[in-house]
Amino acid sequence: MANAETHGAMIPATRDGPCRLTTVYKAQSARNHPNAMSPKKDMPASDNDNGGLTHFDAGGQAHMVDVGAKNDTHRVAIARGIIRMKPATLSIVISGTAKKGDVLGIARIAAIMAAKRTSDLIPLCHPLALTRVAVEFTINEEDSTIMCNAQVETLGKTGVEMEALTAVQVGLLTIYDMCKAVDKTMVMSDIKVMEKHGGKSGSWKVE
C-alpha cells in the first residue's frame, strides 16, 4: 500500500480501501516551495527598501521586525473612537437597563482584555508586557454618541499604538453587541491614535 503525504501527515492511498481518497495534496519540501525564502531574501529590509514598510524584508516577504537592538523606553499610546446610536439606545445605556447588563462596565473590561491580546489578533505585533491599560467612556447626549478613550503603556522596545487601537475597537464592538437587540444602526467611526510617546521617534500627537 502506497502512502501519500498531505499537510505534513502520512495517510494511506488506496484505490479500493474503505476510505477512498478523491484528492491528495502532496506537500512540497521547504527547499522546493515557491514561497520559501532564499538566504538573500531572508534579510531585514531598510526603511527605504519598501517605502518605509518595515514589516517586509528585502525580498518582499512579511516578517516580524527585529527590535532586539532597541533600548527599553517608557512607551505610551492614546487612541480613541466613537459609536453613534439612537437617542433611545443611549438612554438605555445611561440608565443601565440593557438586558445584557452594565454596558460600559463590560465594554471597559473587554477593551482591557483586548489590549493584552493584541499580538494574538494582529499577526506581526510583538507580544508585550503592558504596564498600564486605562479605558474611559464619555457620553455625549447631544450627539447621541459614546467616545472610548484608551491609554496603554509599557516599558519596552516597541510602541503600543496597536494595543491602544485594539482596546478602543473592541470596547466599541462590545457596546454594539450589548445594544444590538434594540439598535442595529449603530455606527463606529473616527478610530485613531491621538498621541504616542517614547522610542526613537519620540513624541507625537494629533494637532
N, C-alpha and C. Protein backbone atom coordinates (compact mmCIF):
# COMPACT_ATOMS: atom_id res chain seq x y z
N MET A 1 0.85 -1.19 0.00
CA MET A 1 0.00 0.00 0.00
C MET A 1 0.89 1.24 0.00
N ALA A 2 0.63 2.17 -0.93
CA ALA A 2 1.44 3.38 -1.03
C ALA A 2 0.94 4.41 -0.03
N ASN A 3 1.83 5.25 0.31
CA ASN A 3 1.46 6.35 1.21
C ASN A 3 1.55 7.67 0.47
N ALA A 4 0.63 8.56 0.77
CA ALA A 4 0.68 9.91 0.21
C ALA A 4 0.74 10.90 1.35
N GLU A 5 1.47 11.99 1.12
CA GLU A 5 1.64 12.97 2.18
C GLU A 5 0.71 14.14 1.94
N THR A 6 -0.07 14.50 2.94
CA THR A 6 -0.96 15.64 2.82
C THR A 6 -0.88 16.48 4.08
N HIS A 7 -0.58 17.76 3.91
CA HIS A 7 -0.45 18.69 5.03
C HIS A 7 0.51 18.16 6.10
N GLY A 8 1.56 17.48 5.71
CA GLY A 8 2.58 17.01 6.63
C GLY A 8 2.26 15.69 7.30
N ALA A 9 1.10 15.07 7.05
CA ALA A 9 0.73 13.81 7.69
C ALA A 9 0.74 12.70 6.65
N MET A 10 1.10 11.50 7.07
CA MET A 10 1.11 10.34 6.18
C MET A 10 -0.24 9.65 6.26
N ILE A 11 -0.89 9.44 5.10
CA ILE A 11 -2.19 8.77 5.07
C ILE A 11 -2.15 7.69 4.01
N PRO A 12 -2.91 6.58 4.17
CA PRO A 12 -2.90 5.51 3.18
C PRO A 12 -3.60 5.94 1.91
N ALA A 13 -2.96 5.65 0.76
CA ALA A 13 -3.56 5.94 -0.53
C ALA A 13 -3.91 4.60 -1.18
N THR A 14 -5.17 4.30 -1.31
CA THR A 14 -5.61 3.04 -1.88
C THR A 14 -6.80 3.27 -2.79
N ARG A 15 -6.88 2.48 -3.81
CA ARG A 15 -7.96 2.66 -4.76
C ARG A 15 -9.25 2.04 -4.27
N ASP A 16 -9.16 0.93 -3.55
CA ASP A 16 -10.36 0.20 -3.18
C ASP A 16 -10.63 0.17 -1.68
N GLY A 17 -9.82 0.86 -0.89
CA GLY A 17 -9.99 0.82 0.56
C GLY A 17 -11.27 1.50 0.99
N PRO A 18 -11.65 1.31 2.26
CA PRO A 18 -12.89 1.87 2.76
C PRO A 18 -12.86 3.39 2.80
N CYS A 19 -11.69 4.02 2.84
CA CYS A 19 -11.59 5.48 2.88
C CYS A 19 -10.98 5.94 1.58
N ARG A 20 -11.75 5.90 0.51
CA ARG A 20 -11.22 6.28 -0.80
C ARG A 20 -10.87 7.77 -0.81
N LEU A 21 -9.72 8.09 -1.34
CA LEU A 21 -9.28 9.47 -1.42
C LEU A 21 -9.62 10.02 -2.80
N THR A 22 -10.32 11.15 -2.82
CA THR A 22 -10.65 11.77 -4.10
C THR A 22 -9.59 12.77 -4.53
N THR A 23 -8.95 13.42 -3.55
CA THR A 23 -7.91 14.39 -3.86
C THR A 23 -6.81 14.29 -2.82
N VAL A 24 -5.60 14.25 -3.25
CA VAL A 24 -4.46 14.20 -2.35
C VAL A 24 -3.57 15.38 -2.68
N TYR A 25 -3.29 16.19 -1.66
CA TYR A 25 -2.40 17.33 -1.83
C TYR A 25 -1.02 16.93 -1.32
N LYS A 26 -0.11 16.82 -2.19
CA LYS A 26 1.23 16.41 -1.81
C LYS A 26 2.04 17.62 -1.36
N ALA A 27 2.52 17.53 -0.15
CA ALA A 27 3.29 18.66 0.39
C ALA A 27 4.63 18.75 -0.31
N GLN A 28 5.00 19.99 -0.64
CA GLN A 28 6.31 20.21 -1.24
C GLN A 28 7.34 20.38 -0.14
N SER A 29 8.53 20.01 -0.43
CA SER A 29 9.59 20.22 0.55
C SER A 29 9.86 21.70 0.67
N ALA A 30 10.42 22.09 1.83
CA ALA A 30 10.72 23.50 2.05
C ALA A 30 11.69 24.02 1.00
N ARG A 31 12.58 23.15 0.53
CA ARG A 31 13.58 23.59 -0.44
C ARG A 31 12.95 23.96 -1.78
N ASN A 32 11.87 23.26 -2.16
CA ASN A 32 11.26 23.49 -3.46
C ASN A 32 10.01 24.34 -3.39
N HIS A 33 9.60 24.74 -2.18
CA HIS A 33 8.36 25.50 -2.06
C HIS A 33 8.53 26.86 -2.72
N PRO A 34 7.55 27.30 -3.53
CA PRO A 34 7.70 28.57 -4.26
C PRO A 34 7.82 29.77 -3.35
N ASN A 35 7.31 29.67 -2.10
CA ASN A 35 7.38 30.81 -1.19
C ASN A 35 8.53 30.71 -0.21
N ALA A 36 9.36 29.70 -0.35
CA ALA A 36 10.49 29.56 0.57
C ALA A 36 11.45 30.72 0.36
N MET A 37 12.00 31.23 1.47
CA MET A 37 12.90 32.37 1.37
C MET A 37 14.33 31.90 1.17
N SER A 38 14.98 32.47 0.21
CA SER A 38 16.38 32.16 -0.01
C SER A 38 17.20 32.95 0.99
N PRO A 39 18.48 32.59 1.18
CA PRO A 39 19.31 33.35 2.11
C PRO A 39 19.33 34.84 1.82
N LYS A 40 19.26 35.22 0.54
CA LYS A 40 19.30 36.64 0.19
C LYS A 40 18.01 37.33 0.60
N LYS A 41 16.89 36.60 0.49
CA LYS A 41 15.61 37.21 0.81
C LYS A 41 15.37 37.29 2.30
N ASP A 42 15.93 36.39 3.04
CA ASP A 42 15.69 36.32 4.48
C ASP A 42 16.54 37.33 5.22
N MET A 43 16.43 38.58 4.80
CA MET A 43 17.21 39.66 5.38
C MET A 43 16.28 40.81 5.69
N PRO A 44 16.48 41.50 6.81
CA PRO A 44 15.65 42.65 7.13
C PRO A 44 15.77 43.71 6.06
N ALA A 45 14.68 44.42 5.84
CA ALA A 45 14.71 45.49 4.86
C ALA A 45 14.93 46.82 5.56
N SER A 46 15.61 47.73 4.90
CA SER A 46 15.73 49.07 5.44
C SER A 46 14.44 49.81 5.14
N ASP A 47 14.26 50.97 5.79
CA ASP A 47 13.05 51.74 5.57
C ASP A 47 12.89 52.15 4.12
N ASN A 48 14.03 52.29 3.41
CA ASN A 48 13.96 52.74 2.03
C ASN A 48 13.65 51.62 1.06
N ASP A 49 13.87 50.36 1.48
CA ASP A 49 13.68 49.24 0.57
C ASP A 49 12.21 49.05 0.20
N ASN A 50 11.31 49.31 1.15
CA ASN A 50 9.88 49.07 0.91
C ASN A 50 9.05 50.29 1.27
N GLY A 51 9.56 51.45 0.95
CA GLY A 51 8.81 52.66 1.20
C GLY A 51 8.52 52.90 2.67
N GLY A 52 9.39 52.43 3.56
CA GLY A 52 9.19 52.62 4.98
C GLY A 52 8.35 51.56 5.65
N LEU A 53 7.90 50.54 4.90
CA LEU A 53 7.09 49.47 5.47
C LEU A 53 8.02 48.42 6.06
N THR A 54 8.26 48.49 7.35
CA THR A 54 9.26 47.65 7.99
C THR A 54 8.82 46.22 8.21
N HIS A 55 7.54 45.91 7.98
CA HIS A 55 7.08 44.53 8.16
C HIS A 55 7.33 43.66 6.94
N PHE A 56 8.10 44.17 5.96
CA PHE A 56 8.51 43.38 4.81
C PHE A 56 10.02 43.35 4.75
N ASP A 57 10.57 42.15 4.42
CA ASP A 57 12.02 42.06 4.31
C ASP A 57 12.46 42.49 2.92
N ALA A 58 13.76 42.35 2.64
CA ALA A 58 14.30 42.82 1.36
C ALA A 58 13.72 42.08 0.17
N GLY A 59 13.18 40.88 0.40
CA GLY A 59 12.57 40.12 -0.68
C GLY A 59 11.09 40.33 -0.80
N GLY A 60 10.53 41.22 0.03
CA GLY A 60 9.10 41.49 -0.03
C GLY A 60 8.26 40.54 0.79
N GLN A 61 8.90 39.67 1.59
CA GLN A 61 8.17 38.73 2.43
C GLN A 61 7.84 39.37 3.78
N ALA A 62 6.64 39.06 4.29
CA ALA A 62 6.25 39.58 5.60
C ALA A 62 7.11 38.95 6.69
N HIS A 63 7.50 39.76 7.67
CA HIS A 63 8.28 39.24 8.78
C HIS A 63 8.04 40.11 10.01
N MET A 64 8.35 39.57 11.18
CA MET A 64 8.26 40.36 12.41
C MET A 64 9.54 41.17 12.55
N VAL A 65 9.38 42.47 12.77
CA VAL A 65 10.53 43.36 12.85
C VAL A 65 11.42 42.96 14.03
N ASP A 66 12.72 42.95 13.80
CA ASP A 66 13.69 42.64 14.86
C ASP A 66 13.91 43.90 15.68
N VAL A 67 13.46 43.87 16.94
CA VAL A 67 13.62 45.03 17.82
C VAL A 67 14.66 44.77 18.91
N GLY A 68 15.41 43.69 18.76
CA GLY A 68 16.35 43.29 19.80
C GLY A 68 17.40 44.32 20.15
N ALA A 69 17.80 45.13 19.18
CA ALA A 69 18.86 46.11 19.42
C ALA A 69 18.34 47.42 19.99
N LYS A 70 17.03 47.56 20.09
CA LYS A 70 16.47 48.81 20.59
C LYS A 70 16.57 48.88 22.11
N ASN A 71 16.59 50.10 22.62
CA ASN A 71 16.60 50.30 24.06
C ASN A 71 15.20 50.22 24.63
N ASP A 72 15.10 49.77 25.87
CA ASP A 72 13.82 49.78 26.56
C ASP A 72 13.51 51.22 26.98
N THR A 73 12.36 51.72 26.57
CA THR A 73 11.93 53.05 26.98
C THR A 73 10.48 53.00 27.40
N HIS A 74 10.05 54.03 28.11
CA HIS A 74 8.65 54.13 28.53
C HIS A 74 7.81 54.49 27.31
N ARG A 75 6.92 53.61 26.93
CA ARG A 75 6.09 53.80 25.74
C ARG A 75 4.65 54.08 26.16
N VAL A 76 4.05 55.07 25.52
CA VAL A 76 2.66 55.44 25.80
C VAL A 76 1.93 55.68 24.48
N ALA A 77 0.71 55.20 24.38
CA ALA A 77 -0.13 55.49 23.22
C ALA A 77 -1.55 55.74 23.70
N ILE A 78 -2.19 56.73 23.12
CA ILE A 78 -3.58 57.06 23.43
C ILE A 78 -4.37 57.01 22.13
N ALA A 79 -5.46 56.27 22.15
CA ALA A 79 -6.32 56.15 20.98
C ALA A 79 -7.76 56.41 21.40
N ARG A 80 -8.57 56.75 20.43
CA ARG A 80 -9.99 56.97 20.73
C ARG A 80 -10.85 56.66 19.53
N GLY A 81 -12.13 56.51 19.78
CA GLY A 81 -13.11 56.27 18.72
C GLY A 81 -14.49 56.49 19.30
N ILE A 82 -15.48 56.60 18.43
CA ILE A 82 -16.85 56.85 18.89
C ILE A 82 -17.81 55.85 18.28
N ILE A 83 -18.93 55.68 18.97
CA ILE A 83 -20.04 54.90 18.43
C ILE A 83 -21.29 55.76 18.52
N ARG A 84 -22.00 55.88 17.42
CA ARG A 84 -23.22 56.70 17.35
C ARG A 84 -24.43 55.77 17.36
N MET A 85 -25.44 56.16 18.10
CA MET A 85 -26.63 55.31 18.24
C MET A 85 -27.87 56.16 18.34
N LYS A 86 -29.02 55.51 18.36
CA LYS A 86 -30.27 56.23 18.53
C LYS A 86 -30.34 56.80 19.94
N PRO A 87 -31.00 57.95 20.12
CA PRO A 87 -31.14 58.53 21.45
C PRO A 87 -31.77 57.57 22.45
N ALA A 88 -32.72 56.78 22.00
CA ALA A 88 -33.37 55.82 22.91
C ALA A 88 -32.39 54.75 23.36
N THR A 89 -31.48 54.36 22.48
CA THR A 89 -30.47 53.37 22.84
C THR A 89 -29.50 53.95 23.86
N LEU A 90 -29.10 55.19 23.64
CA LEU A 90 -28.20 55.83 24.59
C LEU A 90 -28.85 55.95 25.97
N SER A 91 -30.14 56.20 25.99
CA SER A 91 -30.86 56.29 27.27
C SER A 91 -30.81 54.97 28.02
N ILE A 92 -30.88 53.88 27.29
CA ILE A 92 -30.80 52.56 27.92
C ILE A 92 -29.42 52.35 28.52
N VAL A 93 -28.38 52.77 27.79
CA VAL A 93 -27.01 52.64 28.30
C VAL A 93 -26.84 53.46 29.57
N ILE A 94 -27.33 54.69 29.55
CA ILE A 94 -27.18 55.58 30.69
C ILE A 94 -27.93 55.05 31.92
N SER A 95 -29.13 54.54 31.68
CA SER A 95 -29.96 54.07 32.80
C SER A 95 -29.52 52.72 33.34
N GLY A 96 -28.71 52.00 32.56
CA GLY A 96 -28.25 50.68 32.98
C GLY A 96 -29.29 49.61 32.88
N THR A 97 -30.26 49.79 31.98
CA THR A 97 -31.36 48.83 31.86
C THR A 97 -31.22 47.89 30.67
N ALA A 98 -30.05 47.85 30.06
CA ALA A 98 -29.84 46.92 28.94
C ALA A 98 -29.98 45.48 29.44
N LYS A 99 -30.59 44.64 28.63
CA LYS A 99 -30.87 43.26 29.05
C LYS A 99 -29.59 42.49 29.39
N LYS A 100 -28.48 42.82 28.73
CA LYS A 100 -27.24 42.09 28.97
C LYS A 100 -26.44 42.62 30.16
N GLY A 101 -26.91 43.71 30.77
CA GLY A 101 -26.22 44.21 31.96
C GLY A 101 -25.57 45.57 31.77
N ASP A 102 -24.55 45.83 32.57
CA ASP A 102 -23.84 47.10 32.58
C ASP A 102 -23.00 47.23 31.31
N VAL A 103 -23.52 48.01 30.36
CA VAL A 103 -22.88 48.09 29.04
C VAL A 103 -21.45 48.62 29.13
N LEU A 104 -21.28 49.75 29.75
CA LEU A 104 -19.96 50.37 29.76
C LEU A 104 -18.99 49.64 30.68
N GLY A 105 -19.48 49.06 31.77
CA GLY A 105 -18.61 48.29 32.64
C GLY A 105 -18.04 47.07 31.93
N ILE A 106 -18.88 46.37 31.18
CA ILE A 106 -18.42 45.19 30.45
C ILE A 106 -17.53 45.61 29.28
N ALA A 107 -17.88 46.71 28.61
CA ALA A 107 -17.07 47.19 27.49
C ALA A 107 -15.67 47.59 27.96
N ARG A 108 -15.57 48.15 29.15
CA ARG A 108 -14.26 48.53 29.68
C ARG A 108 -13.38 47.29 29.91
N ILE A 109 -13.96 46.26 30.52
CA ILE A 109 -13.20 45.04 30.74
C ILE A 109 -12.79 44.41 29.42
N ALA A 110 -13.69 44.42 28.44
CA ALA A 110 -13.38 43.85 27.11
C ALA A 110 -12.23 44.60 26.46
N ALA A 111 -12.23 45.92 26.58
CA ALA A 111 -11.18 46.73 25.97
C ALA A 111 -9.82 46.43 26.60
N ILE A 112 -9.80 46.29 27.93
CA ILE A 112 -8.55 45.99 28.62
C ILE A 112 -8.04 44.61 28.22
N MET A 113 -8.93 43.64 28.17
CA MET A 113 -8.54 42.29 27.77
C MET A 113 -8.00 42.28 26.34
N ALA A 114 -8.64 43.05 25.46
CA ALA A 114 -8.22 43.09 24.06
C ALA A 114 -6.82 43.67 23.92
N ALA A 115 -6.53 44.71 24.68
CA ALA A 115 -5.19 45.30 24.62
C ALA A 115 -4.13 44.27 24.95
N LYS A 116 -4.42 43.43 25.93
CA LYS A 116 -3.44 42.42 26.36
C LYS A 116 -3.29 41.29 25.35
N ARG A 117 -4.29 41.13 24.46
CA ARG A 117 -4.25 40.03 23.49
C ARG A 117 -3.99 40.50 22.06
N THR A 118 -3.51 41.72 21.91
CA THR A 118 -3.34 42.28 20.56
C THR A 118 -2.46 41.43 19.67
N SER A 119 -1.37 40.90 20.21
CA SER A 119 -0.45 40.10 19.38
C SER A 119 -1.08 38.79 18.91
N ASP A 120 -2.16 38.36 19.56
CA ASP A 120 -2.88 37.16 19.11
C ASP A 120 -3.81 37.49 17.94
N LEU A 121 -4.14 38.78 17.79
CA LEU A 121 -5.09 39.19 16.76
C LEU A 121 -4.39 39.75 15.53
N ILE A 122 -3.31 40.49 15.74
CA ILE A 122 -2.58 41.13 14.65
C ILE A 122 -1.29 40.34 14.43
N PRO A 123 -1.14 39.66 13.32
CA PRO A 123 -0.09 38.64 13.16
C PRO A 123 1.34 39.09 13.46
N LEU A 124 1.73 40.30 13.07
CA LEU A 124 3.13 40.70 13.19
C LEU A 124 3.40 41.62 14.38
N CYS A 125 2.43 41.75 15.28
CA CYS A 125 2.66 42.52 16.50
C CYS A 125 3.48 41.70 17.49
N HIS A 126 4.37 42.39 18.20
CA HIS A 126 5.15 41.72 19.24
C HIS A 126 4.31 41.54 20.50
N PRO A 127 4.43 40.40 21.17
CA PRO A 127 3.78 40.25 22.49
C PRO A 127 4.46 41.19 23.48
N LEU A 128 3.67 42.00 24.17
CA LEU A 128 4.24 42.99 25.07
C LEU A 128 3.74 42.80 26.50
N ALA A 129 4.61 43.11 27.45
CA ALA A 129 4.21 43.12 28.85
C ALA A 129 3.71 44.53 29.18
N LEU A 130 2.42 44.72 29.11
CA LEU A 130 1.85 46.05 29.35
C LEU A 130 1.91 46.40 30.84
N THR A 131 2.22 47.64 31.10
CA THR A 131 2.27 48.09 32.49
C THR A 131 1.02 48.85 32.89
N ARG A 132 0.25 49.32 31.91
CA ARG A 132 -0.97 50.05 32.22
C ARG A 132 -1.92 50.04 31.03
N VAL A 133 -3.21 49.82 31.31
CA VAL A 133 -4.27 49.99 30.32
C VAL A 133 -5.41 50.71 31.02
N ALA A 134 -5.69 51.93 30.60
CA ALA A 134 -6.78 52.72 31.18
C ALA A 134 -7.80 53.03 30.09
N VAL A 135 -9.07 52.71 30.37
CA VAL A 135 -10.13 52.90 29.38
C VAL A 135 -11.22 53.77 30.00
N GLU A 136 -11.61 54.82 29.27
CA GLU A 136 -12.66 55.71 29.72
C GLU A 136 -13.71 55.89 28.63
N PHE A 137 -14.96 56.05 29.06
CA PHE A 137 -16.06 56.31 28.12
C PHE A 137 -16.67 57.67 28.44
N THR A 138 -16.91 58.45 27.39
CA THR A 138 -17.53 59.77 27.54
C THR A 138 -18.82 59.78 26.75
N ILE A 139 -19.91 60.10 27.42
CA ILE A 139 -21.24 60.11 26.79
C ILE A 139 -21.57 61.53 26.36
N ASN A 140 -22.01 61.66 25.12
CA ASN A 140 -22.45 62.95 24.58
C ASN A 140 -23.92 62.79 24.18
N GLU A 141 -24.80 63.25 25.04
CA GLU A 141 -26.23 63.08 24.78
C GLU A 141 -26.70 63.92 23.60
N GLU A 142 -26.08 65.06 23.39
CA GLU A 142 -26.49 65.94 22.29
C GLU A 142 -26.27 65.27 20.94
N ASP A 143 -25.11 64.59 20.79
CA ASP A 143 -24.80 63.90 19.53
C ASP A 143 -25.23 62.44 19.54
N SER A 144 -25.70 61.96 20.70
CA SER A 144 -26.08 60.56 20.87
C SER A 144 -24.91 59.63 20.55
N THR A 145 -23.76 59.95 21.15
CA THR A 145 -22.54 59.16 20.92
C THR A 145 -21.88 58.79 22.24
N ILE A 146 -21.06 57.75 22.17
CA ILE A 146 -20.19 57.38 23.28
C ILE A 146 -18.77 57.33 22.72
N MET A 147 -17.87 58.04 23.37
CA MET A 147 -16.47 58.02 22.97
C MET A 147 -15.69 57.09 23.89
N CYS A 148 -14.87 56.25 23.27
CA CYS A 148 -13.97 55.38 24.03
C CYS A 148 -12.56 55.92 23.91
N ASN A 149 -11.91 56.11 25.03
CA ASN A 149 -10.53 56.60 25.07
C ASN A 149 -9.68 55.58 25.80
N ALA A 150 -8.61 55.11 25.16
CA ALA A 150 -7.74 54.10 25.77
C ALA A 150 -6.31 54.59 25.82
N GLN A 151 -5.70 54.47 26.99
CA GLN A 151 -4.28 54.78 27.16
C GLN A 151 -3.55 53.53 27.57
N VAL A 152 -2.53 53.18 26.80
CA VAL A 152 -1.77 51.95 27.05
C VAL A 152 -0.31 52.31 27.24
N GLU A 153 0.35 51.65 28.20
CA GLU A 153 1.75 51.94 28.48
C GLU A 153 2.53 50.64 28.67
N THR A 154 3.82 50.73 28.39
CA THR A 154 4.73 49.61 28.63
C THR A 154 6.14 50.16 28.79
N LEU A 155 7.03 49.35 29.29
CA LEU A 155 8.46 49.66 29.30
C LEU A 155 9.11 48.62 28.39
N GLY A 156 9.42 49.02 27.17
CA GLY A 156 9.90 48.02 26.22
C GLY A 156 10.54 48.61 24.99
N LYS A 157 10.69 47.75 23.97
CA LYS A 157 11.45 48.08 22.77
C LYS A 157 10.58 48.51 21.60
N THR A 158 9.28 48.42 21.73
CA THR A 158 8.39 48.80 20.63
C THR A 158 7.15 49.45 21.19
N GLY A 159 6.47 50.23 20.34
CA GLY A 159 5.34 51.04 20.80
C GLY A 159 4.07 50.26 21.03
N VAL A 160 3.08 50.95 21.59
CA VAL A 160 1.82 50.31 21.98
C VAL A 160 0.63 50.94 21.26
N GLU A 161 0.86 51.51 20.08
CA GLU A 161 -0.25 52.09 19.32
C GLU A 161 -1.29 51.05 18.95
N MET A 162 -0.83 49.87 18.54
CA MET A 162 -1.77 48.83 18.13
C MET A 162 -2.61 48.35 19.31
N GLU A 163 -1.99 48.29 20.48
CA GLU A 163 -2.72 47.86 21.67
C GLU A 163 -3.80 48.87 22.04
N ALA A 164 -3.48 50.16 21.91
CA ALA A 164 -4.47 51.20 22.20
C ALA A 164 -5.62 51.17 21.20
N LEU A 165 -5.29 51.02 19.92
CA LEU A 165 -6.33 50.94 18.89
C LEU A 165 -7.22 49.71 19.07
N THR A 166 -6.60 48.59 19.40
CA THR A 166 -7.37 47.36 19.60
C THR A 166 -8.31 47.50 20.79
N ALA A 167 -7.83 48.13 21.86
CA ALA A 167 -8.68 48.35 23.03
C ALA A 167 -9.91 49.17 22.66
N VAL A 168 -9.71 50.25 21.91
CA VAL A 168 -10.82 51.11 21.51
C VAL A 168 -11.81 50.35 20.65
N GLN A 169 -11.30 49.65 19.64
CA GLN A 169 -12.19 48.96 18.71
C GLN A 169 -13.02 47.89 19.41
N VAL A 170 -12.39 47.10 20.25
CA VAL A 170 -13.12 46.04 20.94
C VAL A 170 -14.07 46.62 21.98
N GLY A 171 -13.70 47.72 22.63
CA GLY A 171 -14.62 48.37 23.54
C GLY A 171 -15.89 48.82 22.82
N LEU A 172 -15.73 49.43 21.65
CA LEU A 172 -16.89 49.87 20.88
C LEU A 172 -17.68 48.68 20.34
N LEU A 173 -16.99 47.65 19.91
CA LEU A 173 -17.68 46.45 19.44
C LEU A 173 -18.53 45.82 20.55
N THR A 174 -18.02 45.88 21.77
CA THR A 174 -18.76 45.31 22.89
C THR A 174 -20.03 46.12 23.16
N ILE A 175 -19.93 47.44 23.05
CA ILE A 175 -21.13 48.27 23.18
C ILE A 175 -22.15 47.88 22.12
N TYR A 176 -21.67 47.69 20.90
CA TYR A 176 -22.58 47.27 19.83
C TYR A 176 -23.25 45.94 20.17
N ASP A 177 -22.46 44.99 20.62
CA ASP A 177 -23.00 43.68 20.95
C ASP A 177 -24.03 43.77 22.07
N MET A 178 -23.77 44.60 23.06
CA MET A 178 -24.67 44.72 24.20
C MET A 178 -25.99 45.39 23.83
N CYS A 179 -25.98 46.22 22.77
CA CYS A 179 -27.16 47.02 22.43
C CYS A 179 -27.81 46.66 21.10
N LYS A 180 -27.24 45.71 20.37
CA LYS A 180 -27.74 45.45 19.02
C LYS A 180 -29.17 44.93 18.99
N ALA A 181 -29.66 44.39 20.10
CA ALA A 181 -31.04 43.89 20.12
C ALA A 181 -32.06 45.01 19.95
N VAL A 182 -31.67 46.23 20.33
CA VAL A 182 -32.60 47.36 20.21
C VAL A 182 -32.17 48.36 19.15
N ASP A 183 -30.95 48.25 18.64
CA ASP A 183 -30.46 49.22 17.67
C ASP A 183 -29.38 48.59 16.79
N LYS A 184 -29.75 48.24 15.58
CA LYS A 184 -28.78 47.65 14.65
C LYS A 184 -28.15 48.70 13.73
N THR A 185 -28.50 49.97 13.94
CA THR A 185 -27.98 51.03 13.06
C THR A 185 -26.79 51.76 13.68
N MET A 186 -26.28 51.30 14.80
CA MET A 186 -25.13 51.95 15.43
C MET A 186 -23.93 51.97 14.48
N VAL A 187 -23.16 53.05 14.54
CA VAL A 187 -22.02 53.22 13.64
C VAL A 187 -20.79 53.57 14.46
N MET A 188 -19.70 52.84 14.24
CA MET A 188 -18.41 53.14 14.87
C MET A 188 -17.56 53.93 13.89
N SER A 189 -16.89 54.98 14.38
CA SER A 189 -16.11 55.81 13.47
C SER A 189 -15.01 56.55 14.24
N ASP A 190 -14.18 57.26 13.45
CA ASP A 190 -13.12 58.13 13.99
C ASP A 190 -12.20 57.40 14.95
N ILE A 191 -11.89 56.15 14.65
CA ILE A 191 -10.97 55.38 15.49
C ILE A 191 -9.54 55.70 15.05
N LYS A 192 -8.75 56.26 15.95
CA LYS A 192 -7.42 56.72 15.55
C LYS A 192 -6.53 56.89 16.77
N VAL A 193 -5.22 56.92 16.50
CA VAL A 193 -4.24 57.23 17.53
C VAL A 193 -4.22 58.74 17.71
N MET A 194 -4.31 59.18 18.96
CA MET A 194 -4.30 60.61 19.25
C MET A 194 -2.90 61.10 19.62
N GLU A 195 -2.13 60.26 20.30
CA GLU A 195 -0.76 60.63 20.63
C GLU A 195 0.04 59.41 21.05
N LYS A 196 1.35 59.53 20.92
CA LYS A 196 2.26 58.47 21.35
C LYS A 196 3.54 59.09 21.88
N HIS A 197 4.18 58.37 22.80
CA HIS A 197 5.41 58.87 23.40
C HIS A 197 6.38 57.71 23.58
N GLY A 198 7.67 58.03 23.53
CA GLY A 198 8.70 57.04 23.75
C GLY A 198 9.30 56.51 22.47
N GLY A 199 10.45 55.87 22.59
CA GLY A 199 11.10 55.28 21.43
C GLY A 199 11.92 56.29 20.65
N LYS A 200 12.50 55.81 19.56
CA LYS A 200 13.41 56.63 18.75
C LYS A 200 12.72 57.84 18.16
N SER A 201 11.45 57.67 17.77
CA SER A 201 10.73 58.78 17.12
C SER A 201 10.19 59.80 18.11
N GLY A 202 10.29 59.50 19.41
CA GLY A 202 9.88 60.48 20.41
C GLY A 202 8.37 60.63 20.53
N SER A 203 7.94 61.85 20.76
CA SER A 203 6.52 62.13 20.99
C SER A 203 5.83 62.64 19.74
N TRP A 204 4.56 62.31 19.64
CA TRP A 204 3.73 62.75 18.51
C TRP A 204 2.30 62.83 18.98
N LYS A 205 1.56 63.82 18.49
CA LYS A 205 0.14 63.90 18.82
C LYS A 205 -0.62 64.57 17.69
N VAL A 206 -1.92 64.27 17.63
CA VAL A 206 -2.78 64.87 16.63
C VAL A 206 -2.89 66.37 16.92
N GLU A 207 -2.70 67.17 15.89
CA GLU A 207 -2.79 68.63 16.08
C GLU A 207 -4.27 69.04 16.14
